[in-house]
């Protein structure tokens, strides 16, 4: 449940934080009559994300051949690895510029009375994060992790509550610290997805190397039940990794952690992302 909650929380927080800023900005401009179009865009983005999840599932179900399904699942895991790494390491550098650009667009749409543009700003914000969430959950499912519906709901509600606290200005939240450490967890999740993708591709002989395990921890910490199953779902733990899988996982994790540390070392850990106040 923890990894499901983490992804749902982070993705929802990024989407709804921008939505909250747009709503607060409209009210500060004395243009509260346009807020309903922001809500319309949010609703549209959520529906479009669900449609995307359905389409992805339909596409996957078309592949009855085990080899092709392995290729597709590995491709989804690799795409999720790239997206998670980008979000965890580099996206935070662009957050302020993205927010400034969105609020500038909002001002121009309000001036022109362009309600479609206002709705589209919220729609794109929610839809983009929604599609990423679908991709991440699909990738996790292929690793054998259980996707927890309560985890998704709690993550979504927690993000909405935190955005409300931030935008209402009732309390100062160390958002920078929150993003920093959740980003580190996402880096570890991405490493696990990459390792699982390598294992899958070796299983269909697309990648070289022996598929005999480098070591076997099944007798000490099996990955199918108990703590091992929890670690498998959260970090992609494998009790019997191949040499190539373990080497790629370790190398990726080492490089990604260094990049993550550099990305966040340039700013105070407790700094918060920009948020307009109503």
Protein backbone atom coordinates (compact mmCIF):
# COMPACT_ATOMS: atom_id res chain seq x y z
CA UNK A 1 0.00 0.00 0.00
CA UNK A 2 2.87 2.37 0.78
CA UNK A 3 4.25 2.65 -2.74
CA UNK A 4 0.72 3.07 -4.15
CA UNK A 5 0.07 5.84 -1.63
CA UNK A 6 3.42 7.50 -2.39
CA UNK A 7 2.85 7.68 -6.14
CA UNK A 8 -0.79 8.75 -5.83
CA UNK A 9 0.15 11.40 -3.26
CA UNK A 10 3.07 12.85 -5.25
CA UNK A 11 1.25 12.92 -8.58
CA UNK A 12 -1.93 14.36 -7.06
CA UNK A 13 0.04 16.93 -5.09
CA UNK A 14 1.83 18.21 -8.19
CA UNK A 15 -1.40 18.44 -10.17
CA UNK A 16 -3.62 19.95 -7.49
CA UNK A 17 -0.96 22.35 -6.23
CA UNK A 18 -0.97 24.09 -9.60
CA UNK A 19 -4.78 23.94 -9.70
CA UNK A 20 -4.91 25.50 -6.22
CA UNK A 21 -2.53 28.25 -7.27
CA UNK A 22 -4.68 29.00 -10.34
CA UNK A 23 -7.83 29.21 -8.19
CA UNK A 24 -6.14 31.49 -5.65
CA UNK A 25 -4.79 33.63 -8.49
CA UNK A 26 -8.26 34.02 -9.99
CA UNK A 27 -9.66 35.16 -6.64
CA UNK A 28 -6.81 37.59 -6.16
CA UNK A 29 -7.65 39.05 -9.59
CA UNK A 30 -11.29 39.38 -8.46
CA UNK A 31 -12.21 36.87 -11.18
CA UNK A 32 -13.75 34.19 -8.96
CA UNK A 33 -16.56 33.70 -11.49
CA UNK A 34 -14.08 31.72 -13.60
CA UNK A 35 -13.24 29.19 -10.86
CA UNK A 36 -15.98 26.84 -12.10
CA UNK A 37 -14.02 26.45 -15.35
CA UNK A 38 -10.98 25.35 -13.38
CA UNK A 39 -13.13 22.67 -11.74
CA UNK A 40 -14.46 21.66 -15.15
CA UNK A 41 -10.89 21.23 -16.40
CA UNK A 42 -10.00 19.12 -13.34
CA UNK A 43 -13.02 16.86 -13.91
CA UNK A 44 -12.12 16.50 -17.57
CA UNK A 45 -8.53 15.63 -16.71
CA UNK A 46 -9.63 12.92 -14.27
CA UNK A 47 -12.01 11.38 -16.82
CA UNK A 48 -9.35 11.48 -19.55
CA UNK A 49 -6.88 9.76 -17.19
CA UNK A 50 -9.38 6.94 -16.56
CA UNK A 51 -9.90 6.59 -20.31
CA UNK A 52 -6.13 6.38 -20.73
CA UNK A 53 -5.96 3.59 -18.15
CA UNK A 54 -8.72 1.68 -19.96
CA UNK A 55 -7.05 2.08 -23.37
CA UNK A 56 -3.71 0.89 -21.98
CA UNK A 57 -5.34 -2.19 -20.49
CA UNK A 58 -7.13 -2.96 -23.77
CA UNK A 59 -3.86 -2.65 -25.68
CA UNK A 60 -2.06 -4.98 -23.26
CA UNK A 61 -4.85 -7.55 -23.47
CA UNK A 62 -4.42 -7.75 -27.25
CA UNK A 63 -1.05 -9.46 -26.80
CA UNK A 64 -1.71 -13.13 -26.19
CA UNK A 65 1.86 -14.12 -27.07
CA UNK A 66 3.93 -14.34 -23.89
CA UNK A 67 7.06 -12.97 -25.57
CA UNK A 68 5.28 -9.89 -26.92
CA UNK A 69 3.62 -9.32 -23.55
CA UNK A 70 7.07 -9.50 -21.95
CA UNK A 71 8.38 -6.90 -24.41
CA UNK A 72 5.43 -4.64 -23.69
CA UNK A 73 5.64 -5.00 -19.91
CA UNK A 74 9.39 -4.34 -19.97
CA UNK A 75 8.78 -1.29 -22.16
CA UNK A 76 6.22 0.05 -19.69
CA UNK A 77 8.61 -0.52 -16.79
CA UNK A 78 11.44 1.25 -18.62
CA UNK A 79 9.19 4.19 -19.53
CA UNK A 80 8.05 4.44 -15.92
CA UNK A 81 11.68 4.35 -14.76
CA UNK A 82 12.53 7.31 -17.00
CA UNK A 83 9.42 9.27 -15.97
CA UNK A 84 9.92 8.63 -12.24
CA UNK A 85 13.58 9.61 -12.42
CA UNK A 86 12.79 12.80 -14.32
CA UNK A 87 10.06 13.72 -11.86
CA UNK A 88 12.20 12.98 -8.82
CA UNK A 89 15.42 14.69 -9.94
CA UNK A 90 14.86 17.28 -12.64
CA UNK A 91 11.21 18.32 -12.47
CA UNK A 92 11.66 20.29 -9.24
CA UNK A 93 14.07 22.64 -11.02
CA UNK A 94 11.34 23.64 -13.48
CA UNK A 95 8.46 23.95 -11.00
CA UNK A 96 8.72 27.72 -10.45
CA UNK A 97 9.06 28.51 -14.16
CA UNK A 98 6.12 26.22 -14.98
CA UNK A 99 3.92 27.86 -12.33
CA UNK A 100 4.87 31.38 -13.48
CA UNK A 101 4.08 30.48 -17.09
CA UNK A 102 0.70 28.99 -16.12
CA UNK A 103 -0.34 32.04 -14.08
CA UNK A 104 0.70 34.35 -16.92
CA UNK A 105 -1.42 32.31 -19.33
CA UNK A 106 -4.31 32.45 -16.87
CA UNK A 107 -4.09 36.25 -16.72
CA UNK A 108 -4.25 36.51 -20.50
CA UNK A 109 -7.21 34.13 -20.68
CA UNK A 110 -9.12 36.09 -18.04
CA UNK A 111 -8.43 39.34 -19.84
CA UNK A 112 -9.73 37.86 -23.09
CA UNK A 113 -12.64 36.07 -21.39
CA UNK A 114 -11.33 32.77 -22.79
CA UNK A 115 -13.08 30.23 -20.55
CA UNK A 116 -11.92 27.30 -22.71
CA UNK A 117 -8.30 28.29 -22.19
CA UNK A 118 -8.86 28.55 -18.42
CA UNK A 119 -10.39 25.06 -18.31
CA UNK A 120 -7.61 23.71 -20.53
CA UNK A 121 -4.91 24.86 -18.11
CA UNK A 122 -6.43 22.76 -15.32
CA UNK A 123 -7.21 19.88 -17.68
CA UNK A 124 -3.63 19.57 -18.93
CA UNK A 125 -2.22 19.75 -15.40
CA UNK A 126 -4.44 16.94 -14.11
CA UNK A 127 -4.33 14.83 -17.28
CA UNK A 128 -0.53 14.88 -17.49
CA UNK A 129 -0.13 13.70 -13.91
CA UNK A 130 -2.99 11.24 -14.34
CA UNK A 131 -1.36 9.58 -17.34
CA UNK A 132 1.93 9.34 -15.47
CA UNK A 133 0.11 7.71 -12.57
CA UNK A 134 -1.47 5.15 -14.90
CA UNK A 135 1.96 4.38 -16.34
CA UNK A 136 3.54 3.98 -12.90
CA UNK A 137 0.80 1.71 -11.57
CA UNK A 138 0.90 -0.43 -14.72
CA UNK A 139 4.66 -0.82 -14.33
CA UNK A 140 4.30 -1.77 -10.66
CA UNK A 141 1.67 -4.36 -11.54
CA UNK A 142 4.13 -6.06 -13.90
CA UNK A 143 6.66 -6.37 -11.09
CA UNK A 144 4.15 -8.36 -9.06
CA UNK A 145 3.30 -5.50 -6.67
CA UNK A 146 -0.31 -5.20 -5.55
CA UNK A 147 -2.05 -1.94 -6.46
CA UNK A 148 -3.95 -0.82 -3.38
CA UNK A 149 -7.18 1.11 -4.00
CA UNK A 150 -7.20 2.43 -0.40
CA UNK A 151 -3.63 3.63 -0.97
CA UNK A 152 -4.73 5.55 -4.05
CA UNK A 153 -7.72 7.11 -2.27
CA UNK A 154 -5.73 8.07 0.83
CA UNK A 155 -2.94 9.53 -1.32
CA UNK A 156 -5.43 11.57 -3.34
CA UNK A 157 -7.22 12.89 -0.25
CA UNK A 158 -3.96 13.68 1.53
CA UNK A 159 -2.76 15.71 -1.46
CA UNK A 160 -6.03 17.64 -1.66
CA UNK A 161 -5.91 18.39 2.08
CA UNK A 162 -2.30 19.56 1.92
CA UNK A 163 -3.00 21.83 -1.06
CA UNK A 164 -5.96 23.34 0.81
CA UNK A 165 -3.74 24.07 3.82
CA UNK A 166 -1.09 25.66 1.60
CA UNK A 167 -3.43 27.80 -0.47
CA UNK A 168 -5.58 28.92 2.45
CA UNK A 169 -2.43 30.12 4.19
CA UNK A 170 -3.52 28.64 7.51
CA UNK A 171 -0.15 27.01 8.12
CA UNK A 172 3.34 27.00 6.63
CA UNK A 173 4.24 23.55 5.31
CA UNK A 174 7.88 22.60 4.52
CA UNK A 175 6.96 21.51 1.01
CA UNK A 176 10.57 21.52 -0.16
CA UNK A 177 11.51 18.94 2.48
CA UNK A 178 8.49 16.83 1.59
CA UNK A 179 9.36 16.81 -2.11
CA UNK A 180 13.00 16.10 -1.40
CA UNK A 181 12.54 12.92 0.62
CA UNK A 182 9.59 11.55 -1.34
CA UNK A 183 11.73 12.08 -4.44
CA UNK A 184 14.44 9.90 -2.93
CA UNK A 185 11.89 7.13 -2.35
CA UNK A 186 10.76 7.47 -5.96
CA UNK A 187 14.36 7.09 -7.13
CA UNK A 188 14.56 3.78 -5.25
CA UNK A 189 11.23 2.68 -6.75
CA UNK A 190 12.54 3.58 -10.23
CA UNK A 191 15.65 1.46 -9.62
CA UNK A 192 13.45 -1.49 -8.72
CA UNK A 193 11.39 -1.06 -11.89
CA UNK A 194 14.55 -0.95 -13.98
CA UNK A 195 15.85 -4.12 -12.35
CA UNK A 196 12.54 -5.88 -13.02
CA UNK A 197 12.62 -4.76 -16.66
CA UNK A 198 16.14 -6.18 -17.07
CA UNK A 199 15.03 -9.46 -15.50
CA UNK A 200 12.02 -9.66 -17.85
CA UNK A 201 14.11 -8.96 -20.97
CA UNK A 202 16.68 -11.55 -19.96
CA UNK A 203 13.86 -14.04 -19.47
CA UNK A 204 12.92 -13.74 -23.18
CA UNK A 205 16.61 -13.71 -24.20
CA UNK A 206 16.56 -10.14 -25.51
CA UNK A 207 19.45 -9.21 -23.23
CA UNK A 208 22.64 -11.23 -22.83
CA UNK A 209 23.97 -12.83 -19.69
CA UNK A 210 23.13 -15.80 -17.58
CA UNK A 211 19.74 -15.99 -15.93
CA UNK A 212 21.20 -18.03 -13.08
CA UNK A 213 20.90 -15.98 -9.86
CA UNK A 214 23.93 -14.07 -8.62
CA UNK A 215 22.87 -15.04 -5.10
CA UNK A 216 19.83 -16.59 -3.46
CA UNK A 217 18.29 -14.99 -0.37
CA UNK A 218 15.07 -16.99 -0.57
CA UNK A 219 15.93 -18.93 2.55
CA UNK A 220 16.53 -15.74 4.54
CA UNK A 221 14.25 -13.13 2.96
CA UNK A 222 11.91 -14.57 0.31
CA UNK A 223 10.33 -12.02 -2.01
CA UNK A 224 6.93 -13.71 -2.21
CA UNK A 225 5.68 -13.24 1.34
CA UNK A 226 6.25 -11.31 4.54
CA UNK A 227 8.82 -8.52 4.67
CA UNK A 228 10.35 -9.61 1.37
CA UNK A 229 7.03 -9.21 -0.43
CA UNK A 230 6.68 -5.74 1.08
CA UNK A 231 10.17 -4.80 -0.11
CA UNK A 232 9.43 -6.25 -3.54
CA UNK A 233 6.32 -4.11 -3.86
CA UNK A 234 8.03 -0.98 -2.57
CA UNK A 235 11.57 -1.19 -3.97
CA UNK A 236 11.52 -4.01 -6.50
CA UNK A 237 13.45 -6.35 -4.21
CA UNK A 238 14.39 -9.69 -5.79
CA UNK A 239 15.75 -12.54 -3.68
CA UNK A 240 17.37 -14.18 -6.73
CA UNK A 241 18.63 -11.43 -9.08
CA UNK A 242 20.70 -12.23 -12.15
CA UNK A 243 24.21 -10.71 -12.32
CA UNK A 244 23.13 -8.21 -15.02
CA UNK A 245 19.97 -7.26 -13.15
CA UNK A 246 21.84 -6.60 -9.92
CA UNK A 247 24.65 -4.68 -11.67
CA UNK A 248 22.24 -2.40 -13.57
CA UNK A 249 20.11 -1.84 -10.44
CA UNK A 250 23.15 -0.93 -8.31
CA UNK A 251 24.72 1.32 -10.96
CA UNK A 252 21.46 3.15 -11.65
CA UNK A 253 20.75 3.66 -7.96
CA UNK A 254 24.25 4.99 -7.26
CA UNK A 255 24.13 7.49 -10.15
CA UNK A 256 20.54 8.54 -9.48
CA UNK A 257 21.17 9.19 -5.78
CA UNK A 258 24.17 11.39 -6.63
CA UNK A 259 22.07 13.36 -9.15
CA UNK A 260 19.22 13.63 -6.66
CA UNK A 261 21.56 14.97 -3.99
CA UNK A 262 23.00 17.57 -6.37
CA UNK A 263 19.54 18.65 -7.51
CA UNK A 264 18.35 19.38 -3.99
CA UNK A 265 21.64 20.58 -2.50
CA UNK A 266 21.33 23.85 -4.42
CA UNK A 267 18.25 24.90 -2.42
CA UNK A 268 17.41 24.84 1.30
CA UNK A 269 15.73 21.59 2.30
CA UNK A 270 12.81 23.37 3.91
CA UNK A 271 12.01 25.75 1.08
CA UNK A 272 8.53 25.44 -0.29
CA UNK A 273 7.24 25.56 -3.82
CA UNK A 274 5.60 28.86 -4.75
CA UNK A 275 1.96 29.17 -3.83
CA UNK A 276 -0.36 32.09 -4.30
CA UNK A 277 -2.50 33.13 -1.35
CA UNK A 278 -6.14 33.86 -1.66
